[in-house]
Amino acid sequence: MARPFAEAFYNSAAWRKCRTAYINRRIAIDGGLCEVCHRELGYIVHHKIWLTEENINDPEVTLNADNLRFECLQCHNLEEPDGGRKTAGRENQYTFDADGQIVPLPP
């Protein structure tokens, strides 16, 4: 589920077109492998700089291929908002849906 401020963006034609073009580019480069682990197929187009209420209308952040990364679900689930990676034992606090949106797991 997208955060409320980002729902319109993730449903926009501009994002869908950008996302599809990025996935096609990654498929042409390496068959669509995860850009983090390089073992699994990519599943989610991830924004390296996470979208916020302040930058959601900035195409240099939202639609810029330099700010995107194609990740498998496992690698994406380990991503922290500050760009770091989670440490062992914290992987299962939340997951992501097919659109890459955070879905909290029950306690």
PDB file of N, CA and C in Angstrom:
ATOM      1  N   MET A   1       0.846  -1.170   0.000  1.00  0.00           N
ATOM      2  CA  MET A   1       0.000   0.000   0.000  1.00  0.00           C
ATOM      3  C   MET A   1       0.894   1.237   0.000  1.00  0.00           C
ATOM      4  N   ALA A   2       0.660   2.124  -0.935  1.00  0.00           N
ATOM      5  CA  ALA A   2       1.436   3.354  -1.031  1.00  0.00           C
ATOM      6  C   ALA A   2       1.086   4.278   0.119  1.00  0.00           C
ATOM      7  N   ARG A   3       2.078   5.017   0.549  1.00  0.00           N
ATOM      8  CA  ARG A   3       1.786   6.043   1.552  1.00  0.00           C
ATOM      9  C   ARG A   3       0.840   7.047   0.899  1.00  0.00           C
ATOM     10  N   PRO A   4      -0.092   7.598   1.664  1.00  0.00           N
ATOM     11  CA  PRO A   4      -1.143   8.434   1.067  1.00  0.00           C
ATOM     12  C   PRO A   4      -0.636   9.534   0.138  1.00  0.00           C
ATOM     13  N   PHE A   5       0.442  10.199   0.498  1.00  0.00           N
ATOM     14  CA  PHE A   5       0.917  11.293  -0.345  1.00  0.00           C
ATOM     15  C   PHE A   5       1.464  10.789  -1.686  1.00  0.00           C
ATOM     16  N   ALA A   6       1.809   9.495  -1.782  1.00  0.00           N
ATOM     17  CA  ALA A   6       2.427   8.958  -2.998  1.00  0.00           C
ATOM     18  C   ALA A   6       1.463   8.168  -3.883  1.00  0.00           C
ATOM     19  N   GLU A   7       0.240   7.947  -3.427  1.00  0.00           N
ATOM     20  CA  GLU A   7      -0.699   7.120  -4.188  1.00  0.00           C
ATOM     21  C   GLU A   7      -0.921   7.642  -5.606  1.00  0.00           C
ATOM     22  N   ALA A   8      -1.157   8.926  -5.741  1.00  0.00           N
ATOM     23  CA  ALA A   8      -1.415   9.489  -7.071  1.00  0.00           C
ATOM     24  C   ALA A   8      -0.192   9.313  -7.970  1.00  0.00           C
ATOM     25  N   PHE A   9       0.994   9.507  -7.429  1.00  0.00           N
ATOM     26  CA  PHE A   9       2.205   9.334  -8.229  1.00  0.00           C
ATOM     27  C   PHE A   9       2.324   7.900  -8.732  1.00  0.00           C
ATOM     28  N   TYR A  10       2.200   6.914  -7.833  1.00  0.00           N
ATOM     29  CA  TYR A  10       2.365   5.517  -8.224  1.00  0.00           C
ATOM     30  C   TYR A  10       1.259   5.036  -9.170  1.00  0.00           C
ATOM     31  N   ASN A  11       0.160   5.738  -9.241  1.00  0.00           N
ATOM     32  CA  ASN A  11      -0.910   5.405 -10.173  1.00  0.00           C
ATOM     33  C   ASN A  11      -0.837   6.216 -11.466  1.00  0.00           C
ATOM     34  N   SER A  12       0.164   7.072 -11.579  1.00  0.00           N
ATOM     35  CA  SER A  12       0.246   7.963 -12.740  1.00  0.00           C
ATOM     36  C   SER A  12       0.811   7.255 -13.970  1.00  0.00           C
ATOM     37  N   ALA A  13       0.411   7.744 -15.121  1.00  0.00           N
ATOM     38  CA  ALA A  13       0.938   7.219 -16.382  1.00  0.00           C
ATOM     39  C   ALA A  13       2.434   7.491 -16.473  1.00  0.00           C
ATOM     40  N   ALA A  14       2.880   8.625 -15.957  1.00  0.00           N
ATOM     41  CA  ALA A  14       4.310   8.964 -16.012  1.00  0.00           C
ATOM     42  C   ALA A  14       5.147   7.925 -15.258  1.00  0.00           C
ATOM     43  N   TRP A  15       4.704   7.523 -14.054  1.00  0.00           N
ATOM     44  CA  TRP A  15       5.455   6.522 -13.292  1.00  0.00           C
ATOM     45  C   TRP A  15       5.409   5.162 -13.992  1.00  0.00           C
ATOM     46  N   ARG A  16       4.237   4.772 -14.458  1.00  0.00           N
ATOM     47  CA  ARG A  16       4.132   3.464 -15.118  1.00  0.00           C
ATOM     48  C   ARG A  16       5.041   3.402 -16.346  1.00  0.00           C
ATOM     49  N   LYS A  17       5.082   4.480 -17.111  1.00  0.00           N
ATOM     50  CA  LYS A  17       5.945   4.521 -18.298  1.00  0.00           C
ATOM     51  C   LYS A  17       7.420   4.492 -17.892  1.00  0.00           C
ATOM     52  N   CYS A  18       7.784   5.265 -16.898  1.00  0.00           N
ATOM     53  CA  CYS A  18       9.162   5.306 -16.412  1.00  0.00           C
ATOM     54  C   CYS A  18       9.586   3.938 -15.878  1.00  0.00           C
ATOM     55  N   ARG A  19       8.735   3.330 -15.075  1.00  0.00           N
ATOM     56  CA  ARG A  19       9.022   2.022 -14.474  1.00  0.00           C
ATOM     57  C   ARG A  19       9.221   0.968 -15.560  1.00  0.00           C
ATOM     58  N   THR A  20       8.324   0.932 -16.536  1.00  0.00           N
ATOM     59  CA  THR A  20       8.428  -0.047 -17.623  1.00  0.00           C
ATOM     60  C   THR A  20       9.716   0.163 -18.422  1.00  0.00           C
ATOM     61  N   ALA A  21      10.033   1.411 -18.729  1.00  0.00           N
ATOM     62  CA  ALA A  21      11.256   1.710 -19.487  1.00  0.00           C
ATOM     63  C   ALA A  21      12.494   1.283 -18.697  1.00  0.00           C
ATOM     64  N   TYR A  22      12.489   1.511 -17.382  1.00  0.00           N
ATOM     65  CA  TYR A  22      13.641   1.130 -16.566  1.00  0.00           C
ATOM     66  C   TYR A  22      13.798  -0.391 -16.525  1.00  0.00           C
ATOM     67  N   ILE A  23      12.703  -1.106 -16.343  1.00  0.00           N
ATOM     68  CA  ILE A  23      12.763  -2.575 -16.330  1.00  0.00           C
ATOM     69  C   ILE A  23      13.270  -3.087 -17.683  1.00  0.00           C
ATOM     70  N   ASN A  24      12.763  -2.552 -18.770  1.00  0.00           N
ATOM     71  CA  ASN A  24      13.215  -2.982 -20.102  1.00  0.00           C
ATOM     72  C   ASN A  24      14.701  -2.705 -20.300  1.00  0.00           C
ATOM     73  N   ARG A  25      15.163  -1.584 -19.789  1.00  0.00           N
ATOM     74  CA  ARG A  25      16.593  -1.252 -19.866  1.00  0.00           C
ATOM     75  C   ARG A  25      17.420  -2.273 -19.098  1.00  0.00           C
ATOM     76  N   ARG A  26      16.969  -2.632 -17.889  1.00  0.00           N
ATOM     77  CA  ARG A  26      17.695  -3.608 -17.076  1.00  0.00           C
ATOM     78  C   ARG A  26      17.669  -4.993 -17.729  1.00  0.00           C
ATOM     79  N   ILE A  27      16.568  -5.359 -18.350  1.00  0.00           N
ATOM     80  CA  ILE A  27      16.490  -6.645 -19.044  1.00  0.00           C
ATOM     81  C   ILE A  27      17.499  -6.672 -20.196  1.00  0.00           C
ATOM     82  N   ALA A  28      17.621  -5.566 -20.916  1.00  0.00           N
ATOM     83  CA  ALA A  28      18.578  -5.494 -22.021  1.00  0.00           C
ATOM     84  C   ALA A  28      20.023  -5.566 -21.524  1.00  0.00           C
ATOM     85  N   ILE A  29      20.280  -5.048 -20.332  1.00  0.00           N
ATOM     86  CA  ILE A  29      21.645  -5.032 -19.793  1.00  0.00           C
ATOM     87  C   ILE A  29      22.064  -6.397 -19.270  1.00  0.00           C
ATOM     88  N   ASP A  30      21.244  -6.999 -18.414  1.00  0.00           N
ATOM     89  CA  ASP A  30      21.678  -8.240 -17.753  1.00  0.00           C
ATOM     90  C   ASP A  30      20.549  -9.251 -17.559  1.00  0.00           C
ATOM     91  N   GLY A  31      19.508  -9.114 -18.339  1.00  0.00           N
ATOM     92  CA  GLY A  31      18.394 -10.041 -18.221  1.00  0.00           C
ATOM     93  C   GLY A  31      17.426  -9.689 -17.113  1.00  0.00           C
ATOM     94  N   GLY A  32      17.634  -8.551 -16.457  1.00  0.00           N
ATOM     95  CA  GLY A  32      16.735  -8.105 -15.395  1.00  0.00           C
ATOM     96  C   GLY A  32      17.122  -8.597 -14.016  1.00  0.00           C
ATOM     97  N   LEU A  33      18.403  -8.864 -13.795  1.00  0.00           N
ATOM     98  CA  LEU A  33      18.850  -9.303 -12.477  1.00  0.00           C
ATOM     99  C   LEU A  33      18.757  -8.178 -11.457  1.00  0.00           C
ATOM    100  N   CYS A  34      18.593  -8.568 -10.203  1.00  0.00           N
ATOM    101  CA  CYS A  34      18.602  -7.619  -9.090  1.00  0.00           C
ATOM    102  C   CYS A  34      19.918  -6.846  -9.119  1.00  0.00           C
ATOM    103  N   GLU A  35      19.834  -5.544  -8.999  1.00  0.00           N
ATOM    104  CA  GLU A  35      21.032  -4.708  -9.023  1.00  0.00           C
ATOM    105  C   GLU A  35      21.797  -4.737  -7.704  1.00  0.00           C
ATOM    106  N   VAL A  36      21.253  -5.383  -6.689  1.00  0.00           N
ATOM    107  CA  VAL A  36      21.935  -5.473  -5.397  1.00  0.00           C
ATOM    108  C   VAL A  36      22.675  -6.802  -5.285  1.00  0.00           C
ATOM    109  N   CYS A  37      21.961  -7.917  -5.378  1.00  0.00           N
ATOM    110  CA  CYS A  37      22.577  -9.236  -5.178  1.00  0.00           C
ATOM    111  C   CYS A  37      23.064  -9.868  -6.477  1.00  0.00           C
ATOM    112  N   HIS A  38      22.521  -9.469  -7.601  1.00  0.00           N
ATOM    113  CA  HIS A  38      22.878 -10.008  -8.915  1.00  0.00           C
ATOM    114  C   HIS A  38      22.629 -11.510  -9.042  1.00  0.00           C
ATOM    115  N   ARG A  39      21.752 -12.067  -8.182  1.00  0.00           N
ATOM    116  CA  ARG A  39      21.442 -13.500  -8.236  1.00  0.00           C
ATOM    117  C   ARG A  39      19.996 -13.753  -8.646  1.00  0.00           C
ATOM    118  N   GLU A  40      19.092 -12.958  -8.132  1.00  0.00           N
ATOM    119  CA  GLU A  40      17.656 -13.135  -8.384  1.00  0.00           C
ATOM    120  C   GLU A  40      17.209 -12.148  -9.453  1.00  0.00           C
ATOM    121  N   LEU A  41      16.056 -12.447 -10.061  1.00  0.00           N
ATOM    122  CA  LEU A  41      15.474 -11.492 -10.998  1.00  0.00           C
ATOM    123  C   LEU A  41      14.911 -10.303 -10.236  1.00  0.00           C
ATOM    124  N   GLY A  42      15.017  -9.128 -10.837  1.00  0.00           N
ATOM    125  CA  GLY A  42      14.435  -7.942 -10.243  1.00  0.00           C
ATOM    126  C   GLY A  42      12.929  -8.080 -10.140  1.00  0.00           C
ATOM    127  N   TYR A  43      12.362  -7.399  -9.155  1.00  0.00           N
ATOM    128  CA  TYR A  43      10.927  -7.493  -8.886  1.00  0.00           C
ATOM    129  C   TYR A  43      10.313  -6.112  -8.678  1.00  0.00           C
ATOM    130  N   ILE A  44      11.086  -5.199  -8.109  1.00  0.00           N
ATOM    131  CA  ILE A  44      10.577  -3.877  -7.734  1.00  0.00           C
ATOM    132  C   ILE A  44      11.552  -2.812  -8.229  1.00  0.00           C
ATOM    133  N   VAL A  45      11.011  -1.766  -8.844  1.00  0.00           N
ATOM    134  CA  VAL A  45      11.832  -0.607  -9.180  1.00  0.00           C
ATOM    135  C   VAL A  45      11.821   0.288  -7.942  1.00  0.00           C
ATOM    136  N   HIS A  46      12.998   0.431  -7.357  1.00  0.00           N
ATOM    137  CA  HIS A  46      13.170   1.123  -6.076  1.00  0.00           C
ATOM    138  C   HIS A  46      13.765   2.509  -6.304  1.00  0.00           C
ATOM    139  N   HIS A  47      13.261   3.498  -5.571  1.00  0.00           N
ATOM    140  CA  HIS A  47      13.861   4.841  -5.573  1.00  0.00           C
ATOM    141  C   HIS A  47      14.995   4.851  -4.554  1.00  0.00           C
ATOM    142  N   LYS A  48      16.212   5.140  -5.003  1.00  0.00           N
ATOM    143  CA  LYS A  48      17.357   5.204  -4.090  1.00  0.00           C
ATOM    144  C   LYS A  48      17.136   6.310  -3.061  1.00  0.00           C
ATOM    145  N   ILE A  49      16.723   7.476  -3.530  1.00  0.00           N
ATOM    146  CA  ILE A  49      16.284   8.541  -2.621  1.00  0.00           C
ATOM    147  C   ILE A  49      14.794   8.323  -2.436  1.00  0.00           C
ATOM    148  N   TRP A  50      14.397   7.929  -1.238  1.00  0.00           N
ATOM    149  CA  TRP A  50      12.997   7.595  -0.988  1.00  0.00           C
ATOM    150  C   TRP A  50      12.104   8.798  -1.225  1.00  0.00           C
ATOM    151  N   LEU A  51      10.900   8.532  -1.684  1.00  0.00           N
ATOM    152  CA  LEU A  51       9.952   9.600  -1.936  1.00  0.00           C
ATOM    153  C   LEU A  51       9.379  10.112  -0.616  1.00  0.00           C
ATOM    154  N   THR A  52       9.289  11.441  -0.550  1.00  0.00           N
ATOM    155  CA  THR A  52       8.744  12.106   0.628  1.00  0.00           C
ATOM    156  C   THR A  52       7.711  13.120   0.166  1.00  0.00           C
ATOM    157  N   GLU A  53       7.003  13.684   1.108  1.00  0.00           N
ATOM    158  CA  GLU A  53       6.040  14.737   0.757  1.00  0.00           C
ATOM    159  C   GLU A  53       6.750  15.933   0.140  1.00  0.00           C
ATOM    160  N   GLU A  54       8.006  16.135   0.504  1.00  0.00           N
ATOM    161  CA  GLU A  54       8.767  17.272  -0.013  1.00  0.00           C
ATOM    162  C   GLU A  54       9.259  17.061  -1.444  1.00  0.00           C
ATOM    163  N   ASN A  55       9.546  15.813  -1.846  1.00  0.00           N
ATOM    164  CA  ASN A  55      10.119  15.598  -3.176  1.00  0.00           C
ATOM    165  C   ASN A  55       9.197  14.865  -4.153  1.00  0.00           C
ATOM    166  N   ILE A  56       7.985  14.537  -3.753  1.00  0.00           N
ATOM    167  CA  ILE A  56       7.086  13.738  -4.583  1.00  0.00           C
ATOM    168  C   ILE A  56       6.769  14.405  -5.927  1.00  0.00           C
ATOM    169  N   ASN A  57       6.863  15.714  -6.013  1.00  0.00           N
ATOM    170  CA  ASN A  57       6.565  16.424  -7.258  1.00  0.00           C
ATOM    171  C   ASN A  57       7.818  16.834  -8.021  1.00  0.00           C
ATOM    172  N   ASP A  58       8.963  16.298  -7.629  1.00  0.00           N
ATOM    173  CA  ASP A  58      10.234  16.624  -8.278  1.00  0.00           C
ATOM    174  C   ASP A  58      10.622  15.485  -9.219  1.00  0.00           C
ATOM    175  N   PRO A  59      10.462  15.664 -10.535  1.00  0.00           N
ATOM    176  CA  PRO A  59      10.773  14.591 -11.466  1.00  0.00           C
ATOM    177  C   PRO A  59      12.246  14.187 -11.457  1.00  0.00           C
ATOM    178  N   GLU A  60      13.130  15.058 -10.973  1.00  0.00           N
ATOM    179  CA  GLU A  60      14.540  14.686 -10.857  1.00  0.00           C
ATOM    180  C   GLU A  60      14.738  13.604  -9.794  1.00  0.00           C
ATOM    181  N   VAL A  61      13.782  13.470  -8.895  1.00  0.00           N
ATOM    182  CA  VAL A  61      13.819  12.417  -7.879  1.00  0.00           C
ATOM    183  C   VAL A  61      12.907  11.261  -8.296  1.00  0.00           C
ATOM    184  N   THR A  62      11.689  11.583  -8.686  1.00  0.00           N
ATOM    185  CA  THR A  62      10.679  10.543  -8.913  1.00  0.00           C
ATOM    186  C   THR A  62      10.830   9.794 -10.230  1.00  0.00           C
ATOM    187  N   LEU A  63      11.262  10.478 -11.284  1.00  0.00           N
ATOM    188  CA  LEU A  63      11.285   9.878 -12.620  1.00  0.00           C
ATOM    189  C   LEU A  63      12.684   9.814 -13.230  1.00  0.00           C
ATOM    190  N   ASN A  64      13.695  10.029 -12.450  1.00  0.00           N
ATOM    191  CA  ASN A  64      15.077  10.051 -12.917  1.00  0.00           C
ATOM    192  C   ASN A  64      15.667   8.643 -12.835  1.00  0.00           C
ATOM    193  N   ALA A  65      16.067   8.084 -13.961  1.00  0.00           N
ATOM    194  CA  ALA A  65      16.624   6.724 -13.983  1.00  0.00           C
ATOM    195  C   ALA A  65      17.847   6.588 -13.087  1.00  0.00           C
ATOM    196  N   ASP A  66      18.584   7.669 -12.868  1.00  0.00           N
ATOM    197  CA  ASP A  66      19.753   7.613 -11.982  1.00  0.00           C
ATOM    198  C   ASP A  66      19.356   7.404 -10.522  1.00  0.00           C
ATOM    199  N   ASN A  67      18.088   7.633 -10.197  1.00  0.00           N
ATOM    200  CA  ASN A  67      17.603   7.438  -8.837  1.00  0.00           C
ATOM    201  C   ASN A  67      16.855   6.107  -8.686  1.00  0.00           C
ATOM    202  N   LEU A  68      16.907   5.265  -9.699  1.00  0.00           N
ATOM    203  CA  LEU A  68      16.166   4.003  -9.650  1.00  0.00           C
ATOM    204  C   LEU A  68      17.122   2.816  -9.584  1.00  0.00           C
ATOM    205  N   ARG A  69      16.605   1.732  -9.029  1.00  0.00           N
ATOM    206  CA  ARG A  69      17.354   0.481  -8.960  1.00  0.00           C
ATOM    207  C   ARG A  69      16.336  -0.658  -9.026  1.00  0.00           C
ATOM    208  N   PHE A  70      16.622  -1.682  -9.828  1.00  0.00           N
ATOM    209  CA  PHE A  70      15.752  -2.844  -9.972  1.00  0.00           C
ATOM    210  C   PHE A  70      16.230  -3.883  -8.967  1.00  0.00           C
ATOM    211  N   GLU A  71      15.361  -4.221  -8.006  1.00  0.00           N
ATOM    212  CA  GLU A  71      15.746  -5.106  -6.919  1.00  0.00           C
ATOM    213  C   GLU A  71      14.817  -6.303  -6.821  1.00  0.00           C
ATOM    214  N   CYS A  72      15.376  -7.434  -6.366  1.00  0.00           N
ATOM    215  CA  CYS A  72      14.530  -8.577  -6.040  1.00  0.00           C
ATOM    216  C   CYS A  72      13.784  -8.250  -4.746  1.00  0.00           C
ATOM    217  N   LEU A  73      12.754  -9.000  -4.466  1.00  0.00           N
ATOM    218  CA  LEU A  73      11.933  -8.731  -3.289  1.00  0.00           C
ATOM    219  C   LEU A  73      12.751  -8.825  -2.004  1.00  0.00           C
ATOM    220  N   GLN A  74      13.605  -9.839  -1.897  1.00  0.00           N
ATOM    221  CA  GLN A  74      14.394 -10.007  -0.673  1.00  0.00           C
ATOM    222  C   GLN A  74      15.316  -8.815  -0.424  1.00  0.00           C
ATOM    223  N   CYS A  75      16.037  -8.376  -1.434  1.00  0.00           N
ATOM    224  CA  CYS A  75      16.924  -7.221  -1.258  1.00  0.00           C
ATOM    225  C   CYS A  75      16.132  -5.960  -0.951  1.00  0.00           C
ATOM    226  N   HIS A  76      15.004  -5.785  -1.613  1.00  0.00           N
ATOM    227  CA  HIS A  76      14.186  -4.593  -1.362  1.00  0.00           C
ATOM    228  C   HIS A  76      13.659  -4.581   0.065  1.00  0.00           C
ATOM    229  N   ASN A  77      13.296  -5.751   0.581  1.00  0.00           N
ATOM    230  CA  ASN A  77      12.776  -5.824   1.944  1.00  0.00           C
ATOM    231  C   ASN A  77      13.832  -5.500   2.989  1.00  0.00           C
ATOM    232  N   LEU A  78      15.089  -5.544   2.613  1.00  0.00           N
ATOM    233  CA  LEU A  78      16.176  -5.220   3.547  1.00  0.00           C
ATOM    234  C   LEU A  78      16.548  -3.744   3.524  1.00  0.00           C
ATOM    235  N   GLU A  79      15.970  -2.991   2.607  1.00  0.00           N
ATOM    236  CA  GLU A  79      16.317  -1.577   2.441  1.00  0.00           C
ATOM    237  C   GLU A  79      15.747  -0.735   3.573  1.00  0.00           C
ATOM    238  N   GLU A  80      16.568   0.170   4.076  1.00  0.00           N
ATOM    239  CA  GLU A  80      16.151   1.137   5.101  1.00  0.00           C
ATOM    240  C   GLU A  80      15.928   2.495   4.442  1.00  0.00           C
ATOM    241  N   PRO A  81      15.081   3.352   5.014  1.00  0.00           N
ATOM    242  CA  PRO A  81      14.803   4.665   4.414  1.00  0.00           C
ATOM    243  C   PRO A  81      16.037   5.539   4.218  1.00  0.00           C
ATOM    244  N   ASP A  82      17.078   5.355   5.040  1.00  0.00           N
ATOM    245  CA  ASP A  82      18.274   6.184   4.924  1.00  0.00           C
ATOM    246  C   ASP A  82      19.264   5.646   3.896  1.00  0.00           C
ATOM    247  N   GLY A  83      18.877   4.588   3.183  1.00  0.00           N
ATOM    248  CA  GLY A  83      19.749   4.008   2.171  1.00  0.00           C
ATOM    249  C   GLY A  83      20.608   2.875   2.690  1.00  0.00           C
ATOM    250  N   GLY A  84      20.568   2.638   3.989  1.00  0.00           N
ATOM    251  CA  GLY A  84      21.327   1.536   4.570  1.00  0.00           C
ATOM    252  C   GLY A  84      20.590   0.223   4.408  1.00  0.00           C
ATOM    253  N   ARG A  85      21.216  -0.832   4.874  1.00  0.00           N
ATOM    254  CA  ARG A  85      20.616  -2.156   4.816  1.00  0.00           C
ATOM    255  C   ARG A  85      20.310  -2.605   6.235  1.00  0.00           C
ATOM    256  N   LYS A  86      19.228  -3.356   6.385  1.00  0.00           N
ATOM    257  CA  LYS A  86      18.872  -3.889   7.696  1.00  0.00           C
ATOM    258  C   LYS A  86      19.889  -4.932   8.130  1.00  0.00           C
ATOM    259  N   THR A  87      19.990  -5.115   9.417  1.00  0.00           N
ATOM    260  CA  THR A  87      20.868  -6.152   9.942  1.00  0.00           C
ATOM    261  C   THR A  87      20.054  -7.404  10.190  1.00  0.00           C
ATOM    262  N   ALA A  88      20.735  -8.521  10.348  1.00  0.00           N
ATOM    263  CA  ALA A  88      20.061  -9.803  10.559  1.00  0.00           C
ATOM    264  C   ALA A  88      19.115  -9.704  11.741  1.00  0.00           C
ATOM    265  N   GLY A  89      17.986 -10.382  11.626  1.00  0.00           N
ATOM    266  CA  GLY A  89      17.003 -10.397  12.694  1.00  0.00           C
ATOM    267  C   GLY A  89      15.947  -9.322  12.575  1.00  0.00           C
ATOM    268  N   ARG A  90      16.138  -8.363  11.692  1.00  0.00           N
ATOM    269  CA  ARG A  90      15.155  -7.296  11.518  1.00  0.00           C
ATOM    270  C   ARG A  90      14.441  -7.404  10.183  1.00  0.00           C
ATOM    271  N   GLU A  91      14.729  -8.436   9.400  1.00  0.00           N
ATOM    272  CA  GLU A  91      14.170  -8.535   8.058  1.00  0.00           C
ATOM    273  C   GLU A  91      12.657  -8.667   8.037  1.00  0.00           C
ATOM    274  N   ASN A  92      12.059  -9.225   9.058  1.00  0.00           N
ATOM    275  CA  ASN A  92      10.658  -9.598   8.972  1.00  0.00           C
ATOM    276  C   ASN A  92       9.700  -8.646   9.676  1.00  0.00           C
ATOM    277  N   GLN A  93      10.082  -7.425   9.905  1.00  0.00           N
ATOM    278  CA  GLN A  93       9.177  -6.471  10.528  1.00  0.00           C
ATOM    279  C   GLN A  93       8.147  -5.954   9.536  1.00  0.00           C
ATOM    280  N   TYR A  94       8.491  -5.968   8.268  1.00  0.00           N
ATOM    281  CA  TYR A  94       7.567  -5.552   7.225  1.00  0.00           C
ATOM    282  C   TYR A  94       7.976  -6.201   5.919  1.00  0.00           C
ATOM    283  N   THR A  95       7.106  -6.114   4.954  1.00  0.00           N
ATOM    284  CA  THR A  95       7.388  -6.613   3.620  1.00  0.00           C
ATOM    285  C   THR A  95       6.910  -5.569   2.627  1.00  0.00           C
ATOM    286  N   PHE A  96       6.959  -5.895   1.349  1.00  0.00           N
ATOM    287  CA  PHE A  96       6.521  -4.974   0.320  1.00  0.00           C
ATOM    288  C   PHE A  96       5.542  -5.688  -0.600  1.00  0.00           C
ATOM    289  N   ASP A  97       4.547  -4.938  -1.084  1.00  0.00           N
ATOM    290  CA  ASP A  97       3.596  -5.536  -2.011  1.00  0.00           C
ATOM    291  C   ASP A  97       4.153  -5.475  -3.434  1.00  0.00           C
ATOM    292  N   ALA A  98       3.384  -5.912  -4.400  1.00  0.00           N
ATOM    293  CA  ALA A  98       3.835  -5.982  -5.791  1.00  0.00           C
ATOM    294  C   ALA A  98       4.180  -4.615  -6.372  1.00  0.00           C
ATOM    295  N   ASP A  99       3.661  -3.550  -5.769  1.00  0.00           N
ATOM    296  CA  ASP A  99       3.962  -2.202  -6.241  1.00  0.00           C
ATOM    297  C   ASP A  99       5.124  -1.578  -5.490  1.00  0.00           C
ATOM    298  N   GLY A 100       5.744  -2.363  -4.599  1.00  0.00           N
ATOM    299  CA  GLY A 100       6.892  -1.847  -3.851  1.00  0.00           C
ATOM    300  C   GLY A 100       6.522  -1.019  -2.647  1.00  0.00           C
ATOM    301  N   GLN A 101       5.300  -1.111  -2.208  1.00  0.00           N
ATOM    302  CA  GLN A 101       4.855  -0.318  -1.072  1.00  0.00           C
ATOM    303  C   GLN A 101       4.981  -1.132   0.223  1.00  0.00           C
ATOM    304  N   ILE A 102       5.299  -0.447   1.306  1.00  0.00           N
ATOM    305  CA  ILE A 102       5.511  -1.100   2.594  1.00  0.00           C
ATOM    306  C   ILE A 102       4.196  -1.691   3.110  1.00  0.00           C
ATOM    307  N   VAL A 103       4.291  -2.931   3.598  1.00  0.00           N
ATOM    308  CA  VAL A 103       3.162  -3.604   4.215  1.00  0.00           C
ATOM    309  C   VAL A 103       3.652  -4.128   5.566  1.00  0.00           C
ATOM    310  N   PRO A 104       3.233  -3.504   6.682  1.00  0.00           N
ATOM    311  CA  PRO A 104       3.682  -3.970   8.003  1.00  0.00           C
ATOM    312  C   PRO A 104       3.168  -5.376   8.272  1.00  0.00           C
ATOM    313  N   LEU A 105       4.014  -6.174   8.925  1.00  0.00           N
ATOM    314  CA  LEU A 105       3.626  -7.501   9.330  1.00  0.00           C
ATOM    315  C   LEU A 105       3.022  -7.432  10.722  1.00  0.00           C
ATOM    316  N   PRO A 106       2.101  -8.325  11.048  1.00  0.00           N
ATOM    317  CA  PRO A 106       1.528  -8.322  12.386  1.00  0.00           C
ATOM    318  C   PRO A 106       2.616  -8.619  13.430  1.00  0.00           C
ATOM    319  N   PRO A 107       2.437  -8.097  14.650  1.00  0.00           N
ATOM    320  CA  PRO A 107       3.447  -8.326  15.689  1.00  0.00           C
ATOM    321  C   PRO A 107       3.587  -9.783  16.055  1.00  0.00           C
TER     322      PRO A 107
END
